[in-house]
Each structure stands twice: as structure tokens, then as C-alpha cells.
């Protein structure tokens, strides 16, 4: 039963984009090898400042972070993430076992805590808990789009041939705007206000965004509605 659960988790987490922060290069290398059992796409960094920059400009499905790091510490990094994203799972790995220190991380909003040194079995157990907590194996979160594209609402990612498509932050927000509001059409003003936080009646930024997305997908998933806005194309029955 446990082995089946692990296989289910691995099938799913293989498609995760994760951010892993660890300043000790030896520990980073060892942990990276263990994480490769679960993830194909792992972005590693060794300080909190660079981690914030990566988080701002990319879309991740899981964060694994140390606490004692140069420039910006792990707790400050977690607090920064939680200001804009309350849902992304965060797993802390640390050598600290001090009770007060542990409580600070819990209050910052983490989903798991591993004490160093840890092993593959402990990482596996923690990932099982995270998957079960967020119900990420729930198929009902999948929205089927034209050209065999699938939007995973639970993890805010686009799948093509069951593989994740690397999206920018603004591209992700575009899908969220259309799908999370259950609307096939959006005006230029709605798109500008949601994605770019303004409405200056200049559609150039939207056109550029959709042009790059079309090139990336090899398909025009968002259709222009003349003098109005755009509509998203769902899979036809």
C-alpha cells in the first residue's frame, strides 16, 4: 500500500517545478540527488536574496528551503513568499532543533520540517504528506483546453502531453484570469488590470504577451474578439 502511494506521488511530482535553497554546497548536492528521485525540474540557489528574485519572476509548485542563509534568512524569505502566495507548499530543512526557532517557522506558514541530517525515506514521507494535504492527485482540478492542452487549477500550471509547459508569471496570471473566473471571454481592460495592474487603454503589452505564448505553444489558444478582448478555447466535446 505504501509503495503504491509513493509511486502515485512520484508520477505527479515529476512534473513539479521546485525551488531549492541551501547555502551549504555539499548538503545541496547530496539533497539534490535525493530530490531527483521525485522531480525533473529543480532550481537551486544558495541565498535568500536570489531566491526572492527567482520566486518573483518564475512559477514554482514547491519550495524547499534552509533557514540560515546569507543575505536574507529562510524565515524572512518564507514571510515574503506568504505575503503574495498563501498556498504554495513550503518545506523547511534545517540543522536547528531549538523549540523557539521551530515555532517561528510554523508561524511563518510552512508545510513540513526536516532536521539535518535527513535521508530519502524522510523526504519521501514528507512529500506524501504534502501531496495528501493539498489533494494534488485530484483529477477534477484539470481543465481541458483546445489542442490537447490541460490547465491544472490545483497547481496553476499548463500541461501538454502530460508534461508541464514553462510559463512566465504573466502567462500564468492570464490562465488564472480566464479559468478561475469561469469566463471564456475577457475585455482588454480586464486583462490589463489583472495582469499589469493598470488600464491605460494600450493593448500592445497584451498583444506581445499573447504573441509569445502562441509561439511557445505552437497554437493560438486565445482568440481575438475585435474591439472587445480575447476568448480562451476549451476542448470541444
Protein backbone atom coordinates (compact mmCIF):
# COMPACT_ATOMS: atom_id res chain seq x y z
CA UNK A 1 0.00 0.00 0.00
CA UNK A 2 2.80 2.41 0.92
CA UNK A 3 4.74 1.56 -2.24
CA UNK A 4 1.66 2.29 -4.36
CA UNK A 5 1.24 5.64 -2.61
CA UNK A 6 4.88 6.51 -3.26
CA UNK A 7 4.51 5.63 -6.94
CA UNK A 8 1.43 7.88 -7.18
CA UNK A 9 3.33 10.73 -5.60
CA UNK A 10 6.34 10.27 -7.89
CA UNK A 11 4.17 10.20 -11.01
CA UNK A 12 2.76 13.54 -10.00
CA UNK A 13 5.75 15.32 -8.51
CA UNK A 14 7.91 14.53 -11.54
CA UNK A 15 6.10 17.42 -13.23
CA UNK A 16 6.70 19.88 -10.40
CA UNK A 17 8.96 22.91 -10.80
CA UNK A 18 10.61 23.35 -7.41
CA UNK A 19 12.85 25.97 -5.86
CA UNK A 20 15.51 24.58 -3.50
CA UNK A 21 17.56 26.98 -1.33
CA UNK A 22 20.64 25.73 0.55
CA UNK A 23 23.91 27.63 1.19
CA UNK A 24 25.98 24.56 2.05
CA UNK A 25 27.07 23.28 -1.36
CA UNK A 26 27.88 19.77 -0.10
CA UNK A 27 24.44 19.41 1.50
CA UNK A 28 22.86 20.97 -1.59
CA UNK A 29 24.50 18.39 -3.86
CA UNK A 30 23.51 15.45 -1.65
CA UNK A 31 19.92 16.61 -1.28
CA UNK A 32 19.65 17.42 -4.98
CA UNK A 33 20.47 13.79 -5.81
CA UNK A 34 17.69 12.61 -3.49
CA UNK A 35 15.21 15.14 -4.88
CA UNK A 36 15.87 13.94 -8.44
CA UNK A 37 14.03 10.76 -7.46
CA UNK A 38 10.87 12.90 -7.36
CA UNK A 39 11.40 15.97 -9.54
CA UNK A 40 12.63 16.63 -13.06
CA UNK A 41 12.92 20.41 -12.76
CA UNK A 42 14.86 21.64 -9.70
CA UNK A 43 16.15 25.20 -9.47
CA UNK A 44 18.87 25.51 -6.83
CA UNK A 45 20.18 28.68 -5.21
CA UNK A 46 22.34 29.35 -2.15
CA UNK A 47 20.98 32.60 -0.69
CA UNK A 48 17.66 34.16 0.22
CA UNK A 49 18.05 37.28 -1.92
CA UNK A 50 18.44 35.34 -5.15
CA UNK A 51 15.61 33.03 -4.06
CA UNK A 52 13.26 36.02 -3.80
CA UNK A 53 14.25 37.21 -7.29
CA UNK A 54 13.58 33.74 -8.72
CA UNK A 55 10.24 33.48 -6.91
CA UNK A 56 9.12 36.86 -8.27
CA UNK A 57 9.95 36.00 -11.88
CA UNK A 58 9.01 32.32 -12.06
CA UNK A 59 6.20 29.96 -11.19
CA UNK A 60 7.06 27.15 -8.75
CA UNK A 61 4.92 24.36 -7.29
CA UNK A 62 7.02 23.65 -4.20
CA UNK A 63 9.70 25.45 -2.18
CA UNK A 64 12.33 23.64 -0.11
CA UNK A 65 14.49 25.98 1.93
CA UNK A 66 17.19 26.10 4.56
CA UNK A 67 16.83 28.70 7.32
CA UNK A 68 20.32 30.04 7.99
CA UNK A 69 21.43 31.62 4.71
CA UNK A 70 23.45 34.65 3.59
CA UNK A 71 21.86 38.00 2.67
CA UNK A 72 18.27 37.03 3.57
CA UNK A 73 17.48 34.25 6.06
CA UNK A 74 14.97 31.49 5.49
CA UNK A 75 12.24 32.83 7.78
CA UNK A 76 12.34 36.25 6.11
CA UNK A 77 12.16 34.55 2.72
CA UNK A 78 9.15 32.46 3.79
CA UNK A 79 7.38 35.55 5.13
CA UNK A 80 7.99 37.30 1.81
CA UNK A 81 6.52 34.36 -0.13
CA UNK A 82 3.46 34.15 2.11
CA UNK A 83 2.60 37.81 1.52
CA UNK A 84 1.75 37.02 -2.09
CA UNK A 85 1.15 33.28 -2.10
CA UNK A 86 -0.63 31.51 0.76
CA UNK A 87 -0.96 28.17 -0.98
CA UNK A 88 2.41 27.10 -2.36
CA UNK A 89 3.78 24.25 -0.19
CA UNK A 90 6.96 25.15 1.70
CA UNK A 91 9.24 22.51 3.22
CA UNK A 92 12.00 23.57 5.63
CA UNK A 93 15.23 21.61 6.03
CA UNK A 94 17.44 22.80 8.86
CA UNK A 95 20.01 21.83 11.47
CA UNK A 96 18.10 23.84 14.08
CA UNK A 97 16.13 21.88 16.68
CA UNK A 98 15.57 24.81 19.04
CA UNK A 99 11.90 24.99 20.08
CA UNK A 100 11.56 28.77 19.66
CA UNK A 101 13.22 28.63 16.26
CA UNK A 102 10.89 25.82 15.22
CA UNK A 103 7.81 27.79 16.33
CA UNK A 104 8.91 30.78 14.25
CA UNK A 105 8.90 28.63 11.12
CA UNK A 106 5.49 27.17 11.93
CA UNK A 107 4.05 30.65 12.46
CA UNK A 108 5.54 31.72 9.13
CA UNK A 109 3.37 29.14 7.38
CA UNK A 110 5.33 26.04 6.43
CA UNK A 111 4.08 22.58 5.49
CA UNK A 112 6.89 20.40 6.77
CA UNK A 113 10.14 20.47 8.75
CA UNK A 114 13.11 18.12 8.34
CA UNK A 115 16.09 18.16 10.68
CA UNK A 116 19.54 17.60 9.21
CA UNK A 117 20.87 15.06 8.57
CA UNK A 118 17.87 13.54 6.78
CA UNK A 119 17.53 10.68 4.34
CA UNK A 120 15.47 9.71 1.28
CA UNK A 121 12.87 7.91 3.40
CA UNK A 122 12.20 11.06 5.44
CA UNK A 123 11.90 13.20 2.31
CA UNK A 124 9.51 10.64 0.82
CA UNK A 125 7.30 10.69 3.91
CA UNK A 126 7.18 14.49 3.92
CA UNK A 127 6.24 14.66 0.24
CA UNK A 128 3.44 12.12 0.75
CA UNK A 129 2.05 14.36 3.49
CA UNK A 130 2.24 17.45 1.29
CA UNK A 131 0.52 15.76 -1.65
CA UNK A 132 -2.25 14.45 0.60
CA UNK A 133 -2.66 17.81 2.33
CA UNK A 134 -3.12 19.71 -0.90
CA UNK A 135 -5.08 16.93 -2.58
CA UNK A 136 -2.88 17.34 -5.63
CA UNK A 137 -3.87 13.98 -7.06
CA UNK A 138 -7.44 15.16 -7.56
CA UNK A 139 -8.22 14.77 -11.28
CA UNK A 140 -11.18 17.18 -11.06
CA UNK A 141 -8.74 20.08 -10.95
CA UNK A 142 -7.85 19.51 -14.62
CA UNK A 143 -9.41 21.83 -17.22
CA UNK A 144 -9.22 20.57 -20.80
CA UNK A 145 -8.35 23.11 -23.47
CA UNK A 146 -8.03 23.06 -27.25
CA UNK A 147 -5.10 21.27 -28.91
CA UNK A 148 -4.83 18.73 -26.06
CA UNK A 149 -3.65 21.33 -23.54
CA UNK A 150 -4.64 20.89 -19.90
CA UNK A 151 -4.74 23.52 -17.17
CA UNK A 152 -4.08 22.17 -13.66
CA UNK A 153 -6.07 24.51 -11.39
CA UNK A 154 -4.69 22.99 -8.22
CA UNK A 155 -1.09 23.85 -9.08
CA UNK A 156 -1.59 26.71 -11.56
CA UNK A 157 0.29 25.08 -14.41
CA UNK A 158 -0.25 24.17 -18.04
CA UNK A 159 0.32 20.60 -19.28
CA UNK A 160 1.00 19.45 -22.81
CA UNK A 161 1.33 15.71 -23.44
CA UNK A 162 1.29 15.35 -19.62
CA UNK A 163 4.42 17.48 -19.36
CA UNK A 164 4.43 20.97 -17.82
CA UNK A 165 4.85 23.98 -20.09
CA UNK A 166 7.24 26.54 -18.63
CA UNK A 167 5.18 29.71 -18.20
CA UNK A 168 6.16 33.18 -17.12
CA UNK A 169 4.38 34.80 -14.19
CA UNK A 170 2.21 36.94 -16.51
CA UNK A 171 1.33 33.95 -18.68
CA UNK A 172 0.23 32.06 -15.58
CA UNK A 173 -1.87 35.02 -14.46
CA UNK A 174 -3.54 35.08 -17.88
CA UNK A 175 -4.75 31.49 -17.47
CA UNK A 176 -5.84 32.17 -13.90
CA UNK A 177 -7.89 35.17 -15.01
CA UNK A 178 -9.84 33.19 -17.59
CA UNK A 179 -10.17 29.81 -15.91
CA UNK A 180 -10.51 30.66 -12.22
CA UNK A 181 -13.33 33.08 -13.00
CA UNK A 182 -15.08 30.55 -15.25
CA UNK A 183 -15.27 33.01 -18.13
CA UNK A 184 -14.45 32.27 -21.75
CA UNK A 185 -14.10 35.95 -22.67
CA UNK A 186 -12.34 38.95 -21.12
CA UNK A 187 -12.12 42.56 -22.22
CA UNK A 188 -8.83 44.32 -22.89
CA UNK A 189 -9.42 46.37 -19.74
CA UNK A 190 -9.96 43.33 -17.53
CA UNK A 191 -6.77 41.68 -18.80
CA UNK A 192 -4.66 44.80 -18.39
CA UNK A 193 -5.96 45.50 -14.90
CA UNK A 194 -5.42 41.93 -13.67
CA UNK A 195 -2.04 41.19 -15.22
CA UNK A 196 -0.36 44.58 -15.45
CA UNK A 197 -2.21 46.27 -12.58
CA UNK A 198 -3.30 49.16 -14.77
CA UNK A 199 -5.69 50.04 -17.54
CA UNK A 200 -4.09 52.57 -19.88
CA UNK A 201 -6.08 51.55 -22.96
CA UNK A 202 -2.89 50.38 -24.65
CA UNK A 203 -3.23 46.79 -25.86
CA UNK A 204 0.38 46.43 -27.02
CA UNK A 205 1.50 44.64 -23.84
CA UNK A 206 -1.37 42.17 -24.14
CA UNK A 207 -0.64 41.51 -27.82
CA UNK A 208 3.04 40.91 -27.07
CA UNK A 209 2.17 38.56 -24.21
CA UNK A 210 -0.21 36.51 -26.35
CA UNK A 211 2.15 36.50 -29.32
CA UNK A 212 4.95 34.99 -27.22
CA UNK A 213 2.53 32.45 -25.75
CA UNK A 214 1.33 31.46 -29.23
CA UNK A 215 4.92 30.86 -30.33
CA UNK A 216 5.62 28.83 -27.20
CA UNK A 217 2.54 26.61 -27.62
CA UNK A 218 2.58 26.45 -31.41
CA UNK A 219 -1.13 27.17 -31.24
CA UNK A 220 -3.41 30.20 -30.85
CA UNK A 221 -5.23 29.27 -27.66
CA UNK A 222 -6.54 32.81 -27.07
CA UNK A 223 -8.64 34.20 -29.92
CA UNK A 224 -9.00 37.92 -30.62
CA UNK A 225 -12.50 39.39 -30.33
CA UNK A 226 -12.41 42.52 -32.46
CA UNK A 227 -12.68 45.76 -30.46
CA UNK A 228 -13.51 43.81 -27.30
CA UNK A 229 -10.80 41.49 -25.96
CA UNK A 230 -9.97 37.79 -26.09
CA UNK A 231 -11.54 34.40 -25.51
CA UNK A 232 -9.90 31.14 -24.45
CA UNK A 233 -10.57 27.99 -26.47
CA UNK A 234 -11.74 24.98 -24.47
CA UNK A 235 -11.69 21.42 -25.78
CA UNK A 236 -14.85 20.62 -27.69
CA UNK A 237 -16.84 17.55 -26.70
